[in-house]
């Protein structure tokens, strides 16, 4: 099993900051956000094919991984060496992010 490097785009970093701020403002268990996001990143680092293909975009092979406790999707692509996270978006929204 090959471990890949995980990179976040500037947009994805902004999404993470926004979601973290919301979580810390509106939830009691602040550590859940960080723990769940780190677990998802570890999973993508080791098994990037785990997410489902997201066909509603122009980005080739874009996938998404549902993070249940956060009710968010991580949108990403990957190759043999790295995973690129394009967005973090609340799963309750009616459409995915514009990438």
N, C-alpha and C. Protein backbone atom coordinates (compact mmCIF):
# COMPACT_ATOMS: atom_id res chain seq x y z
N UNK A 1 0.85 -1.17 0.00
CA UNK A 1 0.00 0.00 0.00
C UNK A 1 0.90 1.24 0.00
N UNK A 2 0.66 2.11 -0.96
CA UNK A 2 1.47 3.33 -1.09
C UNK A 2 0.80 4.49 -0.38
N UNK A 3 1.58 5.20 0.40
CA UNK A 3 1.06 6.38 1.08
C UNK A 3 1.32 7.61 0.22
N UNK A 4 0.25 8.39 -0.01
CA UNK A 4 0.35 9.58 -0.86
C UNK A 4 0.40 10.85 -0.02
N UNK A 5 0.98 11.87 -0.58
CA UNK A 5 0.98 13.20 0.02
C UNK A 5 -0.41 13.81 -0.22
N UNK A 6 -0.94 14.53 0.76
CA UNK A 6 -2.24 15.19 0.61
C UNK A 6 -2.02 16.69 0.60
N UNK A 7 -2.48 17.35 -0.46
CA UNK A 7 -2.36 18.80 -0.63
C UNK A 7 -3.77 19.41 -0.69
N UNK A 8 -3.94 20.56 -0.09
CA UNK A 8 -5.21 21.30 -0.16
C UNK A 8 -5.01 22.52 -1.04
N UNK A 9 -5.97 22.77 -1.93
CA UNK A 9 -5.93 24.00 -2.71
C UNK A 9 -6.23 25.17 -1.78
N UNK A 10 -5.95 26.38 -2.23
CA UNK A 10 -6.27 27.57 -1.44
C UNK A 10 -7.77 27.63 -1.14
N UNK A 11 -8.58 27.29 -2.12
CA UNK A 11 -10.03 27.28 -1.92
C UNK A 11 -10.41 26.26 -0.84
N UNK A 12 -9.84 25.08 -0.90
CA UNK A 12 -10.15 24.06 0.10
C UNK A 12 -9.72 24.51 1.49
N UNK A 13 -8.57 25.16 1.59
CA UNK A 13 -8.14 25.69 2.89
C UNK A 13 -9.13 26.72 3.43
N UNK A 14 -9.65 27.56 2.56
CA UNK A 14 -10.66 28.54 2.98
C UNK A 14 -11.93 27.84 3.46
N UNK A 15 -12.32 26.78 2.76
CA UNK A 15 -13.51 26.02 3.17
C UNK A 15 -13.30 25.39 4.54
N UNK A 16 -12.13 24.82 4.76
CA UNK A 16 -11.83 24.20 6.05
C UNK A 16 -11.88 25.25 7.15
N UNK A 17 -11.28 26.39 6.93
CA UNK A 17 -11.31 27.47 7.93
C UNK A 17 -12.74 27.89 8.24
N UNK A 18 -13.56 28.05 7.20
CA UNK A 18 -14.95 28.45 7.39
C UNK A 18 -15.73 27.41 8.19
N UNK A 19 -15.58 26.14 7.81
CA UNK A 19 -16.30 25.07 8.50
C UNK A 19 -15.81 24.92 9.94
N UNK A 20 -14.50 25.05 10.17
CA UNK A 20 -13.97 24.96 11.53
C UNK A 20 -14.52 26.08 12.40
N UNK A 21 -14.55 27.29 11.87
CA UNK A 21 -15.11 28.43 12.62
C UNK A 21 -16.56 28.18 12.96
N UNK A 22 -17.34 27.71 11.99
CA UNK A 22 -18.75 27.42 12.24
C UNK A 22 -18.88 26.35 13.33
N UNK A 23 -18.08 25.30 13.21
CA UNK A 23 -18.14 24.19 14.16
C UNK A 23 -17.84 24.68 15.58
N UNK A 24 -16.80 25.48 15.72
CA UNK A 24 -16.41 25.95 17.05
C UNK A 24 -17.41 26.94 17.63
N UNK A 25 -18.14 27.61 16.77
CA UNK A 25 -19.16 28.56 17.23
C UNK A 25 -20.46 27.85 17.61
N UNK A 26 -20.78 26.77 16.91
CA UNK A 26 -22.10 26.15 17.05
C UNK A 26 -22.13 24.76 17.68
N UNK A 27 -21.01 24.19 17.99
CA UNK A 27 -20.96 22.84 18.55
C UNK A 27 -20.19 22.84 19.87
N UNK A 28 -20.53 21.90 20.74
CA UNK A 28 -19.86 21.79 22.04
C UNK A 28 -18.54 21.05 21.97
N UNK A 29 -18.46 20.04 21.15
CA UNK A 29 -17.27 19.19 21.10
C UNK A 29 -16.35 19.64 19.95
N UNK A 30 -15.55 20.64 20.23
CA UNK A 30 -14.71 21.26 19.21
C UNK A 30 -13.70 20.30 18.60
N UNK A 31 -13.20 19.35 19.39
CA UNK A 31 -12.17 18.43 18.90
C UNK A 31 -12.69 17.49 17.83
N UNK A 32 -14.00 17.30 17.74
CA UNK A 32 -14.57 16.39 16.75
C UNK A 32 -14.22 16.85 15.34
N UNK A 33 -14.26 18.14 15.09
CA UNK A 33 -13.97 18.64 13.75
C UNK A 33 -12.56 18.21 13.32
N UNK A 34 -11.58 18.50 14.15
CA UNK A 34 -10.19 18.18 13.81
C UNK A 34 -9.97 16.68 13.71
N UNK A 35 -10.50 15.93 14.64
CA UNK A 35 -10.32 14.47 14.65
C UNK A 35 -10.91 13.83 13.40
N UNK A 36 -12.10 14.23 13.03
CA UNK A 36 -12.77 13.64 11.86
C UNK A 36 -12.08 14.04 10.56
N UNK A 37 -11.67 15.30 10.46
CA UNK A 37 -10.97 15.74 9.26
C UNK A 37 -9.63 15.01 9.12
N UNK A 38 -8.89 14.88 10.21
CA UNK A 38 -7.62 14.16 10.17
C UNK A 38 -7.82 12.69 9.79
N UNK A 39 -8.87 12.07 10.29
CA UNK A 39 -9.16 10.67 9.94
C UNK A 39 -9.46 10.54 8.45
N UNK A 40 -10.21 11.48 7.91
CA UNK A 40 -10.53 11.45 6.47
C UNK A 40 -9.26 11.64 5.64
N UNK A 41 -8.38 12.52 6.06
CA UNK A 41 -7.13 12.75 5.34
C UNK A 41 -6.26 11.50 5.37
N UNK A 42 -6.19 10.84 6.51
CA UNK A 42 -5.42 9.60 6.62
C UNK A 42 -5.98 8.54 5.69
N UNK A 43 -7.30 8.43 5.64
CA UNK A 43 -7.94 7.46 4.75
C UNK A 43 -7.60 7.75 3.29
N UNK A 44 -7.68 9.02 2.90
CA UNK A 44 -7.35 9.39 1.52
C UNK A 44 -5.88 9.15 1.21
N UNK A 45 -5.03 9.38 2.18
CA UNK A 45 -3.58 9.17 1.99
C UNK A 45 -3.30 7.71 1.65
N UNK A 46 -4.04 6.80 2.28
CA UNK A 46 -3.79 5.36 2.11
C UNK A 46 -4.68 4.71 1.06
N UNK A 47 -5.93 5.13 0.98
CA UNK A 47 -6.91 4.50 0.07
C UNK A 47 -7.70 5.56 -0.69
N UNK A 48 -7.07 6.29 -1.59
CA UNK A 48 -7.77 7.40 -2.24
C UNK A 48 -8.94 6.99 -3.12
N UNK A 49 -9.00 5.75 -3.54
CA UNK A 49 -10.12 5.30 -4.36
C UNK A 49 -11.39 5.06 -3.58
N UNK A 50 -11.35 5.30 -2.27
CA UNK A 50 -12.49 5.02 -1.41
C UNK A 50 -13.69 5.94 -1.70
N UNK A 51 -13.46 7.14 -2.15
CA UNK A 51 -14.55 8.08 -2.43
C UNK A 51 -15.30 7.71 -3.70
N UNK A 52 -16.45 8.32 -3.87
CA UNK A 52 -17.25 8.06 -5.07
C UNK A 52 -16.99 9.14 -6.12
N UNK A 53 -17.04 8.75 -7.38
CA UNK A 53 -16.87 9.72 -8.46
C UNK A 53 -17.98 10.74 -8.40
N UNK A 54 -17.63 12.00 -8.63
CA UNK A 54 -18.60 13.10 -8.64
C UNK A 54 -18.69 13.62 -10.07
N UNK A 55 -19.77 13.26 -10.78
CA UNK A 55 -19.85 13.56 -12.21
C UNK A 55 -20.28 14.99 -12.56
N UNK A 56 -20.72 15.78 -11.60
CA UNK A 56 -21.29 17.09 -11.88
C UNK A 56 -20.24 18.20 -11.88
N UNK A 57 -19.15 17.98 -12.59
CA UNK A 57 -18.06 18.95 -12.61
C UNK A 57 -17.26 18.79 -13.90
N UNK A 58 -16.44 19.79 -14.17
CA UNK A 58 -15.54 19.70 -15.32
C UNK A 58 -14.17 19.15 -14.92
N UNK A 59 -13.94 18.94 -13.63
CA UNK A 59 -12.67 18.40 -13.15
C UNK A 59 -12.68 16.88 -13.37
N UNK A 60 -11.74 16.40 -14.16
CA UNK A 60 -11.68 14.97 -14.48
C UNK A 60 -11.39 14.15 -13.22
N UNK A 61 -12.15 13.07 -13.07
CA UNK A 61 -11.94 12.10 -11.99
C UNK A 61 -12.12 12.70 -10.60
N UNK A 62 -12.93 13.74 -10.47
CA UNK A 62 -13.20 14.32 -9.15
C UNK A 62 -14.01 13.33 -8.34
N UNK A 63 -13.59 13.12 -7.11
CA UNK A 63 -14.28 12.21 -6.19
C UNK A 63 -14.70 12.99 -4.95
N UNK A 64 -15.59 12.37 -4.18
CA UNK A 64 -15.94 12.96 -2.90
C UNK A 64 -16.02 11.88 -1.85
N UNK A 65 -15.65 12.28 -0.64
CA UNK A 65 -15.67 11.39 0.51
C UNK A 65 -16.57 12.03 1.56
N UNK A 66 -17.55 11.29 2.02
CA UNK A 66 -18.49 11.79 3.02
C UNK A 66 -17.87 11.62 4.41
N UNK A 67 -17.87 12.69 5.18
CA UNK A 67 -17.41 12.67 6.57
C UNK A 67 -18.67 12.78 7.43
N UNK A 68 -19.14 11.64 7.91
CA UNK A 68 -20.45 11.55 8.55
C UNK A 68 -20.62 12.49 9.74
N UNK A 69 -19.70 12.48 10.67
CA UNK A 69 -19.86 13.30 11.88
C UNK A 69 -19.83 14.80 11.60
N UNK A 70 -19.23 15.18 10.49
CA UNK A 70 -19.21 16.59 10.11
C UNK A 70 -20.31 16.95 9.12
N UNK A 71 -20.95 15.93 8.56
CA UNK A 71 -21.97 16.11 7.52
C UNK A 71 -21.42 16.94 6.36
N UNK A 72 -20.18 16.61 5.96
CA UNK A 72 -19.50 17.31 4.87
C UNK A 72 -18.90 16.30 3.89
N UNK A 73 -18.67 16.78 2.68
CA UNK A 73 -17.93 16.02 1.68
C UNK A 73 -16.59 16.70 1.44
N UNK A 74 -15.55 15.87 1.31
CA UNK A 74 -14.26 16.33 0.80
C UNK A 74 -14.23 15.99 -0.68
N UNK A 75 -13.97 16.97 -1.53
CA UNK A 75 -13.88 16.76 -2.97
C UNK A 75 -12.40 16.74 -3.34
N UNK A 76 -11.98 15.72 -4.08
CA UNK A 76 -10.56 15.54 -4.33
C UNK A 76 -10.29 14.76 -5.61
N UNK A 77 -9.05 14.85 -6.07
CA UNK A 77 -8.53 14.02 -7.14
C UNK A 77 -7.25 13.39 -6.62
N UNK A 78 -6.77 12.36 -7.33
CA UNK A 78 -5.51 11.74 -6.90
C UNK A 78 -4.79 11.12 -8.08
N UNK A 79 -3.48 10.93 -7.86
CA UNK A 79 -2.65 10.18 -8.80
C UNK A 79 -1.75 9.26 -7.98
N UNK A 80 -0.72 8.72 -8.58
CA UNK A 80 0.14 7.78 -7.87
C UNK A 80 0.92 8.40 -6.71
N UNK A 81 1.11 9.71 -6.75
CA UNK A 81 1.94 10.36 -5.75
C UNK A 81 1.20 11.23 -4.74
N UNK A 82 0.07 11.81 -5.15
CA UNK A 82 -0.60 12.74 -4.24
C UNK A 82 -2.11 12.76 -4.40
N UNK A 83 -2.73 13.30 -3.36
CA UNK A 83 -4.16 13.57 -3.34
C UNK A 83 -4.29 15.09 -3.27
N UNK A 84 -5.12 15.65 -4.13
CA UNK A 84 -5.37 17.09 -4.09
C UNK A 84 -6.82 17.30 -3.65
N UNK A 85 -6.98 17.97 -2.51
CA UNK A 85 -8.31 18.29 -2.00
C UNK A 85 -8.72 19.63 -2.59
N UNK A 86 -9.84 19.62 -3.30
CA UNK A 86 -10.33 20.82 -3.99
C UNK A 86 -11.34 21.60 -3.17
N UNK A 87 -12.11 20.90 -2.31
CA UNK A 87 -13.17 21.59 -1.57
C UNK A 87 -13.63 20.76 -0.39
N UNK A 88 -14.17 21.44 0.61
CA UNK A 88 -14.91 20.84 1.71
C UNK A 88 -16.25 21.53 1.72
N UNK A 89 -17.30 20.75 1.62
CA UNK A 89 -18.64 21.35 1.46
C UNK A 89 -19.64 20.58 2.28
N UNK A 90 -20.55 21.30 2.91
CA UNK A 90 -21.62 20.68 3.67
C UNK A 90 -22.46 19.77 2.77
N UNK A 91 -22.72 18.57 3.24
CA UNK A 91 -23.45 17.59 2.42
C UNK A 91 -24.93 17.92 2.30
N UNK A 92 -25.44 18.78 3.14
CA UNK A 92 -26.86 19.12 3.08
C UNK A 92 -27.19 20.13 2.00
N UNK A 93 -26.19 20.72 1.41
CA UNK A 93 -26.42 21.67 0.31
C UNK A 93 -26.95 20.91 -0.89
N UNK A 94 -27.72 21.57 -1.69
CA UNK A 94 -28.38 20.89 -2.81
C UNK A 94 -27.45 20.64 -3.99
N UNK A 95 -26.28 21.23 -3.99
CA UNK A 95 -25.34 21.00 -5.08
C UNK A 95 -23.92 21.08 -4.55
N UNK A 96 -23.01 20.51 -5.31
CA UNK A 96 -21.61 20.52 -4.92
C UNK A 96 -20.96 21.86 -5.20
N UNK A 97 -19.69 21.97 -4.91
CA UNK A 97 -18.98 23.24 -5.09
C UNK A 97 -18.69 23.50 -6.56
N UNK A 98 -18.48 24.75 -6.89
CA UNK A 98 -18.01 25.09 -8.24
C UNK A 98 -16.49 25.09 -8.19
N UNK A 99 -15.93 24.21 -8.99
CA UNK A 99 -14.47 24.05 -8.99
C UNK A 99 -13.96 24.42 -10.37
